[in-house]
């Protein structure tokens, strides 16, 4: 059993934080360097682009691994690389399409492994919530970024719903915009991922409501 702390002692504890730049400064502000980030959204709304853009900012603070379990290195992935110039990040940003989730889990436990890890998608891991908790506990020194399918405006599946509630940073992607729904919210709490498509989508929704 660990020792108890007074409220005064808790306030003296040092948090390890980062401040993503660019559009994400307005959306999320300052966030913890470790923990869980949860992206979710419906297909065709810019989820892959949002995650790629977020990862580009994370390369300022460490190395990022993107595990594309669902899509592999297909056209959407290549488009995101081009749009956000991820090729300029060198070894600070890496895709590994041939690695299984179990292999990645093992690799993360080794010294000098990646600082930030994207798992796309959560549904393809086939993890239960209990397995997720164990995975998170094994890698408490990492920032784990899960990408999830959506069912309407909710994450798809019971386990994904529970993880969304557990995550400290929750990012809903709709109409090529990202909205911070967690405990970290920047000055605006949202950002535009793809200006042209976002304008078309949101103007269309306004017209449909009239």
Foldseek 3Di string as FASTA:
>chain_A
DDDDDDPVRVVPDDFAWDAQDDQVCQAFNIDGLFFEEEEEEAPPQCRLLVVLLSLVSCLVPWAEEEEAADPACDDVNVVSCVVNVVVVSPRSYYYDDPDAPVNVLVQLLDPPDTQEYEYPAPVSNVDALVVVVVSCVSNRRHYYYHYAYADVQAGPDDSSNVVQVRGQWYWYGGQQKIATPHPGGHNNRIGGSDVVSSVVVVVVVVVVVD
